[in-house]
Amino acid sequence: MRQILDRIADKWSLLVIALLEKRTLRFTELRKSIDGISQRMLTTTLRQLERDGLIERTVYPVVPPRVDYALTELGCTLHDTIKALVVWTETNQAKIIAARRSYDERANEKLW
């Protein structure tokens, strides 16, 4: 159980699942949409999600090769769960930023 939670709760997997909610995307589209992810980490994340049955990879026999990624039915059910977390984060983002600033100010005052 822990291995599954570790996989689906890591930041890259959450972002990939959230991006694939609305449509099928290519590797380069995913990479451009996820700030800070390396090509290697995206490849690893996509492979793990595919292995877990959460996304599907479709390769088209064209030149240059075209590969699309989409959520599976199982991935869609997970997205419904993740959506609540995303909405909560968006709703409370300003409060969290304010709390961090306040904490940092108090921590800096203790240093002096």
Protein backbone atom coordinates (compact mmCIF):
# COMPACT_ATOMS: atom_id res chain seq x y z
CA MET A 1 0.00 0.00 0.00
CA ARG A 2 2.80 2.42 0.87
CA GLN A 3 4.44 1.98 -2.53
CA ILE A 4 1.21 2.94 -4.29
CA LEU A 5 0.68 5.98 -2.06
CA ASP A 6 4.29 7.06 -2.56
CA ARG A 7 3.82 6.88 -6.32
CA ILE A 8 0.52 8.69 -6.64
CA ALA A 9 1.31 11.30 -4.00
CA ASP A 10 4.63 12.47 -5.40
CA LYS A 11 4.53 15.95 -6.88
CA TRP A 12 5.34 14.96 -10.46
CA SER A 13 2.68 12.24 -10.63
CA LEU A 14 0.05 14.59 -9.25
CA LEU A 15 0.91 17.23 -11.84
CA VAL A 16 0.90 14.75 -14.74
CA ILE A 17 -2.47 13.33 -13.68
CA ALA A 18 -3.92 16.82 -13.28
CA LEU A 19 -2.71 17.87 -16.74
CA LEU A 20 -4.05 14.76 -18.43
CA GLU A 21 -7.52 15.28 -16.95
CA LYS A 22 -8.76 17.40 -19.82
CA ARG A 23 -6.98 15.93 -22.81
CA THR A 24 -4.34 13.72 -24.31
CA LEU A 25 -0.88 15.29 -24.37
CA ARG A 26 2.45 14.60 -25.99
CA PHE A 27 5.66 14.27 -24.00
CA THR A 28 6.89 17.73 -25.02
CA GLU A 29 3.57 19.32 -24.08
CA LEU A 30 3.76 17.74 -20.64
CA ARG A 31 7.38 18.83 -20.17
CA LYS A 32 6.59 22.43 -21.12
CA SER A 33 3.60 22.48 -18.77
CA ILE A 34 5.47 21.16 -15.71
CA ASP A 35 7.92 23.75 -14.46
CA GLY A 36 11.14 22.30 -13.11
CA ILE A 37 10.79 18.69 -14.28
CA SER A 38 13.71 17.16 -16.14
CA GLN A 39 13.29 14.99 -19.21
CA ARG A 40 14.56 12.00 -17.24
CA MET A 41 12.16 12.55 -14.33
CA LEU A 42 9.18 12.99 -16.65
CA THR A 43 10.11 9.79 -18.50
CA THR A 44 10.40 7.90 -15.21
CA THR A 45 7.12 9.31 -13.91
CA LEU A 46 5.24 8.45 -17.10
CA ARG A 47 6.61 4.90 -17.10
CA GLN A 48 5.61 4.37 -13.47
CA LEU A 49 2.11 5.74 -14.04
CA GLU A 50 1.74 3.55 -17.12
CA ARG A 51 2.95 0.50 -15.16
CA ASP A 52 0.36 1.22 -12.47
CA GLY A 53 -2.40 1.41 -15.08
CA LEU A 54 -3.12 5.10 -14.50
CA ILE A 55 -2.10 6.39 -17.92
CA GLU A 56 -1.87 4.88 -21.36
CA ARG A 57 0.81 5.53 -23.93
CA THR A 58 -0.13 5.45 -27.60
CA VAL A 59 2.62 5.32 -30.22
CA TYR A 60 1.72 6.29 -33.79
CA PRO A 61 3.79 4.82 -36.66
CA VAL A 62 4.71 8.13 -38.26
CA VAL A 63 7.95 9.99 -38.87
CA PRO A 64 8.89 11.61 -36.58
CA PRO A 65 7.36 9.24 -34.01
CA ARG A 66 4.31 10.57 -32.21
CA VAL A 67 3.53 9.41 -28.68
CA ASP A 68 0.43 10.52 -26.77
CA TYR A 69 -0.38 10.08 -23.10
CA ALA A 70 -3.89 9.91 -21.64
CA LEU A 71 -5.53 8.91 -18.40
CA THR A 72 -7.00 5.44 -18.23
CA GLU A 73 -10.36 4.78 -16.63
CA LEU A 74 -8.51 3.98 -13.39
CA GLY A 75 -6.50 7.19 -13.74
CA CYS A 76 -9.73 9.18 -14.12
CA THR A 77 -11.03 7.82 -10.82
CA LEU A 78 -7.79 8.87 -9.14
CA HIS A 79 -8.06 12.31 -10.71
CA ASP A 80 -11.45 12.81 -9.06
CA THR A 81 -9.74 12.32 -5.71
CA ILE A 82 -6.82 14.56 -6.59
CA LYS A 83 -9.18 17.29 -7.81
CA ALA A 84 -10.38 17.93 -4.26
CA LEU A 85 -6.76 18.43 -3.16
CA VAL A 86 -6.10 20.82 -6.06
CA VAL A 87 -9.22 22.86 -5.28
CA TRP A 88 -8.24 23.03 -1.60
CA THR A 89 -4.73 24.18 -2.56
CA GLU A 90 -6.03 26.87 -4.90
CA THR A 91 -8.54 28.08 -2.29
CA ASN A 92 -5.98 28.25 0.51
CA GLN A 93 -2.85 29.26 -1.35
CA ALA A 94 -2.89 32.88 -0.17
CA LYS A 95 -3.42 31.83 3.46
CA ILE A 96 -0.51 29.41 3.27
CA ILE A 97 1.78 32.03 1.74
CA ALA A 98 0.80 34.50 4.48
CA ALA A 99 1.42 31.87 7.18
CA ARG A 100 4.86 31.11 5.72
CA ARG A 101 5.79 34.79 5.66
CA SER A 102 4.67 35.21 9.25
CA TYR A 103 6.60 32.14 10.35
CA ASP A 104 9.75 33.27 8.50
CA GLU A 105 9.54 36.74 10.06
CA ARG A 106 9.25 35.24 13.55
CA ALA A 107 12.13 32.86 12.84
CA ASN A 108 14.31 35.72 11.57
CA GLU A 109 13.53 37.83 14.67
CA LYS A 110 14.77 35.01 16.89
CA LEU A 111 18.08 34.95 15.03
CA TRP A 112 18.80 38.59 15.88
